Amino acid sequence: MSTTTTKTSFDLRDILKLLPHRYPFLLVDRVTAYEPGKSLTALKNVTYNEQFFTGHFPELPVMPGVLILEAMAQASGLLAVLDSGMRPESGFILYFAGIDECRFKRPVVPGDQLVFHTELDKHKRDLWKFRVRATVGEELACEAVMMCVLKDAKRPETP
């Protein structure tokens, strides 16, 4: 599944092989399109059974913005993983490193299907930069410029 792959969609079993995230923190259900070195489209079906809805907010369930951003970062991570060929067992991990130009445009509620559109803006050495949009239907829910950095997960950082 490196840049030479012809596969353009990936189901949950594929995603589990590509990302280290697990329930309840895996926030991408499917990849629907992948263009190597350029872009990826993924989705998350938002259901009332999500753990965060019990407290955010019981009478008016709204998906927390930080989790929308995390899902956008995971979709971007999938693009980086597919392009680079790295896997969780490699000992390296992509960390969310920064966010710019973030805007929330509509609340995300149970029953919504979030679609993530991530485009690779720049890749230099261990730094990846993406332009990401999250939509519900035709409506923009969130947009941001996100950065991820590749780190050795086995080696602790020194102060």
Protein backbone atom coordinates (compact mmCIF):
# COMPACT_ATOMS: atom_id res chain seq x y z
CA MET A 1 0.00 0.00 0.00
CA SER A 2 2.71 2.49 -0.88
CA THR A 3 2.41 5.15 -3.54
CA THR A 4 2.34 2.43 -6.19
CA THR A 5 -0.95 1.03 -4.90
CA THR A 6 -3.97 1.15 -7.16
CA LYS A 7 -6.43 0.68 -4.30
CA THR A 8 -8.51 3.82 -3.79
CA SER A 9 -10.90 2.84 -0.97
CA PHE A 10 -10.25 1.23 2.39
CA ASP A 11 -12.65 -0.25 4.93
CA LEU A 12 -12.32 -0.37 8.72
CA ARG A 13 -10.15 -3.52 8.65
CA ASP A 14 -7.68 -1.76 6.36
CA ILE A 15 -7.68 1.37 8.55
CA LEU A 16 -6.89 -0.72 11.64
CA LYS A 17 -3.76 -1.95 9.85
CA LEU A 18 -2.72 1.59 8.94
CA LEU A 19 -3.38 3.59 12.12
CA PRO A 20 -2.46 2.81 15.74
CA HIS A 21 -5.77 4.27 17.04
CA ARG A 22 -8.39 1.96 18.54
CA TYR A 23 -11.89 2.24 19.98
CA PRO A 24 -13.08 4.58 21.35
CA PHE A 25 -10.54 6.92 19.75
CA LEU A 26 -10.53 5.69 16.17
CA LEU A 27 -12.62 8.35 14.45
CA VAL A 28 -12.47 7.33 10.77
CA ASP A 29 -14.79 4.59 9.48
CA ARG A 30 -13.86 4.38 5.80
CA VAL A 31 -11.65 5.85 3.11
CA THR A 32 -13.69 6.48 -0.02
CA ALA A 33 -11.03 7.98 -2.30
CA TYR A 34 -7.25 8.13 -2.36
CA GLU A 35 -5.03 9.84 -4.89
CA PRO A 36 -1.37 9.06 -4.06
CA GLY A 37 0.70 12.10 -3.17
CA LYS A 38 -2.32 14.39 -3.44
CA SER A 39 -5.50 13.73 -1.50
CA LEU A 40 -7.72 11.42 0.49
CA THR A 41 -11.43 11.42 1.30
CA ALA A 42 -12.70 9.57 4.37
CA LEU A 43 -15.85 9.46 6.45
CA LYS A 44 -17.17 9.02 9.95
CA ASN A 45 -20.74 8.08 10.72
CA VAL A 46 -21.71 10.01 13.83
CA THR A 47 -24.09 8.01 16.03
CA TYR A 48 -25.91 8.78 19.25
CA ASN A 49 -24.00 5.89 20.90
CA GLU A 50 -20.68 7.81 20.83
CA GLN A 51 -19.34 8.00 24.40
CA PHE A 52 -18.79 11.76 24.31
CA PHE A 53 -22.49 12.50 23.76
CA THR A 54 -23.37 11.45 27.32
CA GLY A 55 -21.68 14.60 28.60
CA HIS A 56 -21.51 16.91 25.57
CA PHE A 57 -24.39 17.77 25.93
CA PRO A 58 -27.05 15.41 27.33
CA GLU A 59 -30.02 17.51 26.16
CA LEU A 60 -28.41 18.76 22.93
CA PRO A 61 -25.73 16.28 21.74
CA VAL A 62 -22.97 18.00 19.77
CA MET A 63 -19.69 16.41 18.67
CA PRO A 64 -16.82 18.26 20.40
CA GLY A 65 -14.75 20.38 18.03
CA VAL A 66 -11.51 18.87 19.30
CA LEU A 67 -12.76 15.43 18.22
CA ILE A 68 -13.68 16.74 14.77
CA LEU A 69 -10.11 18.04 14.54
CA GLU A 70 -8.73 14.71 15.74
CA ALA A 71 -10.76 12.89 13.09
CA MET A 72 -9.43 15.31 10.46
CA ALA A 73 -5.88 14.61 11.72
CA GLN A 74 -6.50 10.85 11.50
CA ALA A 75 -7.72 11.19 7.90
CA SER A 76 -4.60 13.23 7.11
CA GLY A 77 -2.49 10.61 8.87
CA LEU A 78 -3.97 7.97 6.61
CA LEU A 79 -2.85 9.96 3.57
CA ALA A 80 0.68 10.22 4.99
CA VAL A 81 0.78 6.53 5.93
CA LEU A 82 -0.43 5.42 2.52
CA ASP A 83 2.04 7.69 0.73
CA SER A 84 5.02 6.72 2.88
CA GLY A 85 4.29 3.02 3.35
CA MET A 86 4.91 3.24 7.12
CA ARG A 87 2.85 1.08 9.47
CA PRO A 88 2.18 1.19 13.25
CA GLU A 89 4.53 -1.75 13.83
CA SER A 90 7.43 0.21 12.30
CA GLY A 91 8.06 1.96 15.60
CA PHE A 92 7.31 5.36 14.11
CA ILE A 93 4.17 7.36 14.68
CA LEU A 94 2.69 10.54 13.25
CA TYR A 95 1.88 13.08 15.93
CA PHE A 96 -0.47 15.99 15.51
CA ALA A 97 1.97 18.92 15.56
CA GLY A 98 -0.01 22.06 14.79
CA ILE A 99 -3.09 23.70 13.47
CA ASP A 100 -3.68 26.99 11.67
CA GLU A 101 -6.65 28.75 10.11
CA CYS A 102 -9.18 26.57 11.96
CA ARG A 103 -12.83 27.53 11.60
CA PHE A 104 -15.97 25.72 12.75
CA LYS A 105 -18.99 26.45 10.57
CA ARG A 106 -21.77 24.14 11.82
CA PRO A 107 -22.40 21.77 14.73
CA VAL A 108 -22.07 18.03 14.13
CA VAL A 109 -24.85 15.98 15.70
CA PRO A 110 -25.94 12.33 15.87
CA GLY A 111 -27.08 11.08 12.48
CA ASP A 112 -24.60 13.23 10.56
CA GLN A 113 -22.02 11.71 8.26
CA LEU A 114 -18.77 13.67 8.42
CA VAL A 115 -16.75 13.57 5.21
CA PHE A 116 -13.09 14.55 5.47
CA HIS A 117 -11.34 15.98 2.43
CA THR A 118 -7.60 16.19 3.05
CA GLU A 119 -5.02 17.48 0.59
CA LEU A 120 -1.27 17.19 0.99
CA ASP A 121 0.09 20.73 0.96
CA LYS A 122 3.73 19.99 1.76
CA HIS A 123 5.93 17.10 2.86
CA LYS A 124 9.49 17.82 3.88
CA ARG A 125 11.52 15.25 5.80
CA ASP A 126 9.47 14.34 8.89
CA LEU A 127 6.90 17.15 8.62
CA TRP A 128 3.60 16.82 6.76
CA LYS A 129 1.23 19.72 6.13
CA PHE A 130 -2.38 19.25 5.02
CA ARG A 131 -5.37 21.40 4.06
CA VAL A 132 -8.43 19.68 5.48
CA ARG A 133 -12.17 20.23 5.30
CA ALA A 134 -14.92 18.34 7.12
CA THR A 135 -18.37 18.48 5.54
CA VAL A 136 -21.84 17.20 6.34
CA GLY A 137 -23.64 16.84 3.05
CA GLU A 138 -22.82 20.02 1.14
CA GLU A 139 -22.28 22.06 4.32
CA LEU A 140 -18.82 22.90 5.64
CA ALA A 141 -18.51 21.86 9.29
CA CYS A 142 -14.83 22.64 9.86
CA GLU A 143 -11.70 23.58 7.94
CA ALA A 144 -8.06 23.85 8.99
CA VAL A 145 -4.43 23.63 7.97
CA MET A 146 -2.90 20.78 9.98
CA MET A 147 0.67 19.66 10.56
CA CYS A 148 1.88 16.23 11.62
CA VAL A 149 5.39 15.13 12.48
CA LEU A 150 6.88 11.64 12.27
CA LYS A 151 8.59 10.53 15.49
CA ASP A 152 10.24 7.39 16.80
CA ALA A 153 7.62 6.03 19.21
CA LYS A 154 10.17 3.80 20.95
CA ARG A 155 12.55 6.61 21.89
CA PRO A 156 11.34 8.96 24.64
CA GLU A 157 11.92 12.66 24.11
CA THR A 158 14.71 14.21 26.15
CA PRO A 159 14.12 17.54 27.89
